[in-house]
């Protein structure tokens, strides 16, 4: 299975990192304690992302059919669709299915040629999730051409690697997932990493920190296109109060102890379980993605969607599903919870089942600062 392959690659990479003697993290500057500066940074992003063309904006969410990060794709697509501020399309080298990782699969991508025929002037925005391969030539070539036509580009999480491979990070400031900092610095020595910001924009190219930064970043984009009231309404639905770029990057990173625990945990393949998540028509994409992403990142669980057949999600995307053995453990989802509340509940359940250290690692991978308030 693809996620098993990812685990082995990450284990090998982390082993090399440890053997290379990188036992400490690079020191970061102190977190700025300046509310006015934070508000200014948020407004700067909103201003940089405001529409420049007349008419309804067109947003392309770029995907690689063979593997695109689940939350990076599903959350922006769902939030932007539900906000109703733009025409939103998932665009991939081939039409149809997109395999997501660490779990699930969706149908509904438009191929690049068809998108180009429908929108010869190009997209207004291109959102770039993390992908299994960050240098796929069809993806990076198309992204480069869209940027050349004036599209604003937003690299979500490790989507910054794809943006960089398209030549769009050179000479710019960037955020990016903490795991990619050294790689991006090495590949783009003229670029500048900016810590302590969940999202930022530099000359038509924006980047975010890890997976869960797609929440505030998409709300900021909704504000830029549809106004603050629309963004506030979406924030309430997601279960967050604001979408500030404020972020303490200090807790996120590897030291020797954390890397050792990670390798030992991931090596315990005999404890691996296949779980089912029961899905229904109109299922909320965001809550599903956040919960399935978190459980999958424990290294103990593979998640498969269970239904009598394909299911249309709330956003309109079709989720691949099939009947799964009812004896398989069921991934818990609370329909009454808002999506970010569902993530907090999931993290508490992970701690109950696997311990606080495993929950904390999941939060590291998702670069989620909390809040997580578990009873007891």
Protein backbone atom coordinates (compact mmCIF):
# COMPACT_ATOMS: atom_id res chain seq x y z
CA UNK A 1 0.00 0.00 0.00
CA UNK A 2 1.20 3.48 -0.82
CA UNK A 3 1.11 4.76 2.77
CA UNK A 4 3.22 1.79 3.87
CA UNK A 5 5.75 2.78 1.23
CA UNK A 6 5.69 6.37 2.51
CA UNK A 7 6.35 5.14 6.04
CA UNK A 8 9.38 3.15 4.90
CA UNK A 9 10.78 6.10 2.93
CA UNK A 10 10.33 8.44 5.89
CA UNK A 11 11.98 5.92 8.20
CA UNK A 12 14.96 5.65 5.88
CA UNK A 13 15.20 9.43 5.58
CA UNK A 14 14.99 9.94 9.31
CA UNK A 15 17.59 7.24 9.91
CA UNK A 16 19.94 9.03 7.53
CA UNK A 17 19.19 12.31 9.30
CA UNK A 18 20.07 10.77 12.65
CA UNK A 19 23.21 9.05 11.40
CA UNK A 20 24.28 12.33 9.87
CA UNK A 21 24.56 13.78 13.37
CA UNK A 22 21.72 16.31 13.11
CA UNK A 23 20.70 15.79 16.70
CA UNK A 24 19.43 19.31 17.33
CA UNK A 25 17.09 21.66 15.56
CA UNK A 26 18.25 24.96 14.14
CA UNK A 27 17.44 27.77 16.54
CA UNK A 28 14.54 29.99 15.55
CA UNK A 29 14.15 33.63 16.48
CA UNK A 30 11.70 34.47 19.28
CA UNK A 31 8.02 34.57 18.45
CA UNK A 32 7.05 38.20 17.80
CA UNK A 33 4.66 39.53 20.43
CA UNK A 34 3.13 42.29 18.36
CA UNK A 35 -0.60 42.16 17.71
CA UNK A 36 -0.45 45.13 15.35
CA UNK A 37 2.23 43.44 13.23
CA UNK A 38 0.18 40.23 13.10
CA UNK A 39 -2.91 42.11 11.97
CA UNK A 40 -0.82 43.88 9.36
CA UNK A 41 0.54 40.56 8.06
CA UNK A 42 -2.97 39.16 7.79
CA UNK A 43 -4.21 42.22 5.93
CA UNK A 44 -1.19 42.12 3.62
CA UNK A 45 -2.12 38.57 2.59
CA UNK A 46 -5.74 39.54 2.03
CA UNK A 47 -4.73 42.53 -0.09
CA UNK A 48 -2.27 40.41 -2.10
CA UNK A 49 -4.99 37.86 -2.86
CA UNK A 50 -7.82 40.19 -3.88
CA UNK A 51 -9.23 39.51 -7.37
CA UNK A 52 -7.69 41.45 -10.24
CA UNK A 53 -10.03 40.46 -13.04
CA UNK A 54 -13.69 41.21 -13.55
CA UNK A 55 -16.18 38.43 -13.07
CA UNK A 56 -16.27 35.34 -10.91
CA UNK A 57 -12.74 34.13 -10.03
CA UNK A 58 -11.56 30.73 -11.19
CA UNK A 59 -9.62 28.62 -8.69
CA UNK A 60 -7.74 25.50 -9.77
CA UNK A 61 -6.70 23.05 -7.08
CA UNK A 62 -3.81 21.17 -8.59
CA UNK A 63 -3.52 17.43 -8.03
CA UNK A 64 -1.35 14.50 -8.98
CA UNK A 65 -3.53 11.50 -9.84
CA UNK A 66 -1.10 9.06 -8.23
CA UNK A 67 -0.97 10.74 -4.84
CA UNK A 68 -2.07 14.08 -3.36
CA UNK A 69 -2.29 14.88 0.35
CA UNK A 70 -5.85 14.37 1.51
CA UNK A 71 -6.50 17.39 3.74
CA UNK A 72 -4.45 19.70 1.51
CA UNK A 73 -6.90 18.93 -1.31
CA UNK A 74 -10.24 18.25 0.38
CA UNK A 75 -10.23 21.17 2.80
CA UNK A 76 -9.51 23.99 0.30
CA UNK A 77 -11.93 22.49 -2.19
CA UNK A 78 -14.73 22.15 0.37
CA UNK A 79 -14.24 25.56 2.01
CA UNK A 80 -14.06 27.45 -1.27
CA UNK A 81 -17.01 25.59 -2.78
CA UNK A 82 -19.18 26.14 0.26
CA UNK A 83 -18.21 29.81 0.55
CA UNK A 84 -19.50 30.27 -3.01
CA UNK A 85 -16.92 32.91 -3.86
CA UNK A 86 -15.42 31.34 -6.98
CA UNK A 87 -15.60 28.65 -9.61
CA UNK A 88 -13.48 25.84 -8.14
CA UNK A 89 -11.97 22.97 -10.10
CA UNK A 90 -9.61 20.15 -9.23
CA UNK A 91 -7.12 19.90 -12.08
CA UNK A 92 -4.81 16.94 -12.66
CA UNK A 93 -2.79 15.46 -15.52
CA UNK A 94 -5.65 13.01 -16.15
CA UNK A 95 -9.38 13.41 -15.62
CA UNK A 96 -11.14 11.31 -13.02
CA UNK A 97 -9.65 9.62 -9.98
CA UNK A 98 -7.13 11.12 -7.58
CA UNK A 99 -5.53 8.83 -5.01
CA UNK A 100 -5.17 10.68 -1.72
CA UNK A 101 -2.70 9.97 1.02
CA UNK A 102 -2.55 8.90 3.74
CA UNK A 103 -6.06 7.60 2.90
CA UNK A 104 -9.07 7.68 0.57
CA UNK A 105 -9.63 8.39 -3.12
CA UNK A 106 -11.88 10.86 -4.92
CA UNK A 107 -13.27 11.23 -8.42
CA UNK A 108 -13.95 14.48 -10.23
CA UNK A 109 -10.66 15.92 -11.45
CA UNK A 110 -10.58 17.82 -14.72
CA UNK A 111 -7.57 17.22 -16.94
CA UNK A 112 -5.23 20.10 -17.66
CA UNK A 113 -5.99 20.30 -21.36
CA UNK A 114 -9.74 20.52 -20.72
CA UNK A 115 -9.21 23.23 -18.11
CA UNK A 116 -7.04 25.22 -20.53
CA UNK A 117 -9.69 25.00 -23.23
CA UNK A 118 -12.38 26.19 -20.82
CA UNK A 119 -10.19 28.95 -19.37
CA UNK A 120 -7.73 30.13 -22.03
CA UNK A 121 -6.80 33.18 -19.94
CA UNK A 122 -5.78 30.87 -17.10
CA UNK A 123 -6.88 30.50 -13.51
CA UNK A 124 -7.06 33.42 -11.11
CA UNK A 125 -5.60 31.24 -8.35
CA UNK A 126 -3.87 27.86 -8.29
CA UNK A 127 -3.76 26.00 -4.97
CA UNK A 128 -0.97 23.45 -4.75
CA UNK A 129 -1.27 20.62 -2.19
CA UNK A 130 1.55 18.30 -1.17
CA UNK A 131 2.06 15.52 -3.69
CA UNK A 132 3.68 12.10 -3.76
CA UNK A 133 6.16 13.40 -6.33
CA UNK A 134 7.08 17.06 -6.12
CA UNK A 135 8.72 17.18 -9.56
CA UNK A 136 6.15 15.64 -11.89
CA UNK A 137 6.85 17.45 -15.19
CA UNK A 138 3.19 17.72 -16.22
CA UNK A 139 2.31 19.31 -12.88
CA UNK A 140 5.25 21.70 -12.62
CA UNK A 141 5.04 22.70 -16.27
CA UNK A 142 1.34 23.49 -16.07
CA UNK A 143 1.82 25.40 -12.82
CA UNK A 144 4.60 27.47 -14.37
CA UNK A 145 2.40 28.33 -17.35
CA UNK A 146 -0.51 29.34 -15.11
CA UNK A 147 1.75 31.61 -13.09
CA UNK A 148 2.98 33.13 -16.34
CA UNK A 149 -0.62 33.99 -17.23
CA UNK A 150 -1.08 35.85 -13.97
CA UNK A 151 -2.46 33.24 -11.58
CA UNK A 152 -1.72 33.72 -7.89
CA UNK A 153 -0.19 30.49 -6.56
CA UNK A 154 -0.79 29.14 -3.04
CA UNK A 155 1.41 26.25 -1.93
CA UNK A 156 -0.26 24.43 0.98
CA UNK A 157 2.05 22.57 3.36
CA UNK A 158 4.61 20.54 1.35
CA UNK A 159 2.98 21.89 -1.78
CA UNK A 160 5.74 24.49 -1.35
CA UNK A 161 8.11 21.83 -2.71
CA UNK A 162 6.04 21.58 -5.90
CA UNK A 163 5.91 25.37 -6.16
CA UNK A 164 9.68 25.45 -5.81
CA UNK A 165 10.19 22.79 -8.47
CA UNK A 166 8.19 25.01 -10.82
CA UNK A 167 10.75 27.79 -10.20
CA UNK A 168 8.35 29.98 -8.23
CA UNK A 169 10.12 30.18 -4.85
CA UNK A 170 13.45 31.58 -6.01
CA UNK A 171 14.08 34.99 -4.47
CA UNK A 172 10.86 34.89 -2.45
CA UNK A 173 9.92 34.58 1.22
CA UNK A 174 8.18 31.32 2.11
CA UNK A 175 6.63 29.32 4.97
CA UNK A 176 6.21 25.59 4.29
CA UNK A 177 5.94 22.51 6.51
CA UNK A 178 8.68 22.36 9.16
CA UNK A 179 9.97 19.06 7.73
CA UNK A 180 10.77 20.78 4.41
CA UNK A 181 12.72 23.79 5.71
CA UNK A 182 16.20 22.45 5.08
CA UNK A 183 15.24 20.96 1.70
CA UNK A 184 13.70 24.20 0.48
CA UNK A 185 16.65 26.26 1.70
CA UNK A 186 19.06 23.94 -0.08
CA UNK A 187 17.09 23.89 -3.33
CA UNK A 188 16.41 27.64 -3.31
CA UNK A 189 19.33 29.43 -1.67
CA UNK A 190 17.98 32.80 -2.79
CA UNK A 191 14.67 32.22 -1.00
CA UNK A 192 14.06 33.19 2.63
CA UNK A 193 12.22 31.03 5.14
CA UNK A 194 9.96 33.01 7.47
CA UNK A 195 9.13 31.28 10.78
CA UNK A 196 6.14 31.97 13.03
CA UNK A 197 3.65 32.63 10.20
CA UNK A 198 1.04 30.11 9.17
CA UNK A 199 0.71 31.72 5.76
CA UNK A 200 2.30 34.55 3.81
CA UNK A 201 2.42 35.93 0.27
CA UNK A 202 5.35 37.30 -1.69
CA UNK A 203 4.77 38.66 -5.19
CA UNK A 204 1.84 36.48 -6.23
CA UNK A 205 3.18 33.31 -4.57
CA UNK A 206 1.83 32.30 -1.16
CA UNK A 207 2.85 29.42 1.08
CA UNK A 208 1.59 27.93 4.34
CA UNK A 209 3.01 25.85 7.15
CA UNK A 210 1.87 22.27 7.73
CA UNK A 211 -1.39 20.55 6.85
CA UNK A 212 -3.77 22.28 9.25
CA UNK A 213 -2.62 25.73 8.11
CA UNK A 214 -5.01 25.25 5.21
CA UNK A 215 -7.79 26.28 7.63
CA UNK A 216 -6.63 29.88 8.28
CA UNK A 217 -5.12 30.27 4.82
CA UNK A 218 -8.36 29.36 3.04
CA UNK A 219 -10.36 31.63 5.32
CA UNK A 220 -7.99 34.47 4.46
CA UNK A 221 -8.49 33.70 0.76
CA UNK A 222 -12.27 33.67 1.24
CA UNK A 223 -11.97 37.07 2.92
CA UNK A 224 -9.90 38.40 0.03
CA UNK A 225 -12.48 37.30 -2.55
CA UNK A 226 -15.79 37.43 -0.71
CA UNK A 227 -15.27 39.82 2.18
CA UNK A 228 -14.84 39.49 5.93
CA UNK A 229 -18.45 38.58 6.70
CA UNK A 230 -18.28 35.58 4.37
CA UNK A 231 -15.02 34.48 5.95
CA UNK A 232 -16.47 34.83 9.45
CA UNK A 233 -19.43 32.68 8.49
CA UNK A 234 -17.09 29.98 7.16
CA UNK A 235 -14.91 30.21 10.26
CA UNK A 236 -17.96 29.58 12.44
CA UNK A 237 -18.85 26.51 10.39
CA UNK A 238 -15.32 25.15 10.71
CA UNK A 239 -15.27 25.80 14.44
CA UNK A 240 -12.56 28.46 14.65
CA UNK A 241 -12.69 32.03 15.87
CA UNK A 242 -10.14 33.70 13.61
CA UNK A 243 -7.71 33.04 10.79
CA UNK A 244 -4.70 34.96 11.94
CA UNK A 245 -1.28 33.99 10.51
CA UNK A 246 0.18 33.97 14.05
CA UNK A 247 2.04 30.71 14.67
CA UNK A 248 4.75 29.57 17.06
CA UNK A 249 7.09 27.46 14.93
CA UNK A 250 9.33 26.60 17.88
CA UNK A 251 7.61 23.35 18.99
CA UNK A 252 7.67 21.88 15.49
CA UNK A 253 10.76 20.00 14.39
CA UNK A 254 12.91 16.97 15.12
CA UNK A 255 15.49 16.30 17.76
CA UNK A 256 17.30 13.00 18.29
CA UNK A 257 14.89 11.78 20.96
CA UNK A 258 11.76 12.54 18.94
CA UNK A 259 13.26 10.98 15.80
CA UNK A 260 14.20 7.81 17.69
CA UNK A 261 10.69 7.41 19.10
CA UNK A 262 9.23 8.01 15.67
CA UNK A 263 11.40 5.30 14.07
CA UNK A 264 10.53 2.78 16.77
CA UNK A 265 6.82 3.54 16.47
CA UNK A 266 6.77 3.31 12.70
CA UNK A 267 8.75 0.08 12.72
CA UNK A 268 6.02 -1.75 14.68
CA UNK A 269 4.23 -3.03 11.58
CA UNK A 270 2.72 -6.01 13.45
CA UNK A 271 0.42 -3.61 15.28
CA UNK A 272 -1.07 -2.26 12.09
CA UNK A 273 -4.87 -2.33 11.63
CA UNK A 274 -7.28 -1.81 8.74
CA UNK A 275 -10.13 0.50 9.78
CA UNK A 276 -13.33 1.53 8.06
CA UNK A 277 -14.94 4.94 8.08
CA UNK A 278 -18.64 4.77 7.34
CA UNK A 279 -19.57 7.52 4.87
CA UNK A 280 -22.91 8.78 3.63
CA UNK A 281 -24.27 11.16 1.00
CA UNK A 282 -23.48 14.75 1.94
CA UNK A 283 -20.62 13.76 4.27
CA UNK A 284 -18.63 16.79 5.40
CA UNK A 285 -15.34 16.70 3.51
CA UNK A 286 -13.35 18.67 6.08
CA UNK A 287 -14.28 16.70 9.20
CA UNK A 288 -13.71 13.45 7.31
CA UNK A 289 -10.33 14.56 6.01
CA UNK A 290 -9.03 15.85 9.36
CA UNK A 291 -10.10 12.73 11.27
CA UNK A 292 -8.88 10.22 8.67
CA UNK A 293 -5.62 12.12 8.25
CA UNK A 294 -4.94 12.15 11.98
CA UNK A 295 -5.70 8.47 12.58
CA UNK A 296 -3.67 7.41 9.55
CA UNK A 297 -0.67 9.37 10.80
CA UNK A 298 -0.53 7.32 14.00
CA UNK A 299 1.28 4.69 11.95
CA UNK A 300 -1.16 2.10 13.28
CA UNK A 301 -4.16 2.55 11.03
CA UNK A 302 -5.05 2.32 7.34
CA UNK A 303 -8.45 3.91 6.66
CA UNK A 304 -10.88 2.84 3.94
CA UNK A 305 -14.23 4.43 3.12
CA UNK A 306 -17.15 2.07 3.70
CA UNK A 307 -20.46 2.39 1.82
CA UNK A 308 -22.47 0.45 -0.74
CA UNK A 309 -20.75 2.42 -3.50
CA UNK A 310 -19.33 5.86 -4.36
CA UNK A 311 -20.60 8.66 -2.13
CA UNK A 312 -21.09 12.31 -3.05
CA UNK A 313 -19.48 14.51 -0.41
CA UNK A 314 -20.92 17.83 0.72
CA UNK A 315 -18.65 19.69 -1.72
CA UNK A 316 -19.91 17.65 -4.67
CA UNK A 317 -16.81 15.48 -5.02
CA UNK A 318 -17.36 11.75 -5.39
CA UNK A 319 -15.58 9.66 -2.76
CA UNK A 320 -14.62 6.13 -3.76
CA UNK A 321 -16.17 3.67 -1.30
CA UNK A 322 -17.11 0.02 -1.10
CA UNK A 323 -18.60 -2.28 1.50
CA UNK A 324 -15.96 -3.03 4.12
CA UNK A 325 -16.06 -5.96 6.52
CA UNK A 326 -18.21 -4.87 9.45
CA UNK A 327 -15.79 -6.55 11.83
CA UNK A 328 -13.09 -4.01 10.95
CA UNK A 329 -12.66 -1.30 13.60
CA UNK A 330 -14.73 1.79 12.86
CA UNK A 331 -13.13 5.22 12.72
CA UNK A 332 -15.21 7.41 15.07
CA UNK A 333 -16.85 10.49 13.59
CA UNK A 334 -19.25 12.74 15.48
CA UNK A 335 -21.68 14.40 13.10
CA UNK A 336 -22.59 17.04 15.70
CA UNK A 337 -19.02 18.35 15.90
CA UNK A 338 -17.63 21.10 13.71
CA UNK A 339 -14.59 20.03 11.67
CA UNK A 340 -11.83 21.51 13.86
CA UNK A 341 -13.65 20.27 16.96
CA UNK A 342 -13.67 16.84 15.31
CA UNK A 343 -9.90 17.06 14.94
CA UNK A 344 -9.51 17.90 18.63
CA UNK A 345 -11.78 14.98 19.59
CA UNK A 346 -9.79 12.67 17.31
CA UNK A 347 -6.49 13.70 18.89
CA UNK A 348 -7.90 12.97 22.35
CA UNK A 349 -9.06 9.54 21.16
CA UNK A 350 -5.60 8.86 19.72
CA UNK A 351 -4.05 9.71 23.08
CA UNK A 352 -6.47 7.39 24.87
CA UNK A 353 -5.69 4.50 22.53
CA UNK A 354 -2.00 5.01 21.78
CA UNK A 355 -0.70 7.47 24.36
CA UNK A 356 0.11 11.16 24.48
CA UNK A 357 3.43 10.73 22.67
CA UNK A 358 1.66 9.32 19.60
CA UNK A 359 -0.92 12.11 19.67
CA UNK A 360 1.89 14.67 19.89
CA UNK A 361 3.60 13.13 16.86
CA UNK A 362 0.38 13.36 14.84
CA UNK A 363 0.17 17.03 15.82
CA UNK A 364 3.77 17.42 14.63
CA UNK A 365 3.01 15.88 11.23
CA UNK A 366 -0.11 18.00 10.83
CA UNK A 367 1.67 21.03 12.33
CA UNK A 368 -1.34 21.61 14.51
CA UNK A 369 -0.82 23.94 17.48
CA UNK A 370 -4.14 23.10 19.16
CA UNK A 371 -6.23 23.73 21.16
CA UNK A 372 -6.68 20.12 22.26
CA UNK A 373 -8.61 19.88 25.55
CA UNK A 374 -9.09 16.28 26.61
CA UNK A 375 -11.24 15.33 29.60
CA UNK A 376 -9.20 14.06 32.52
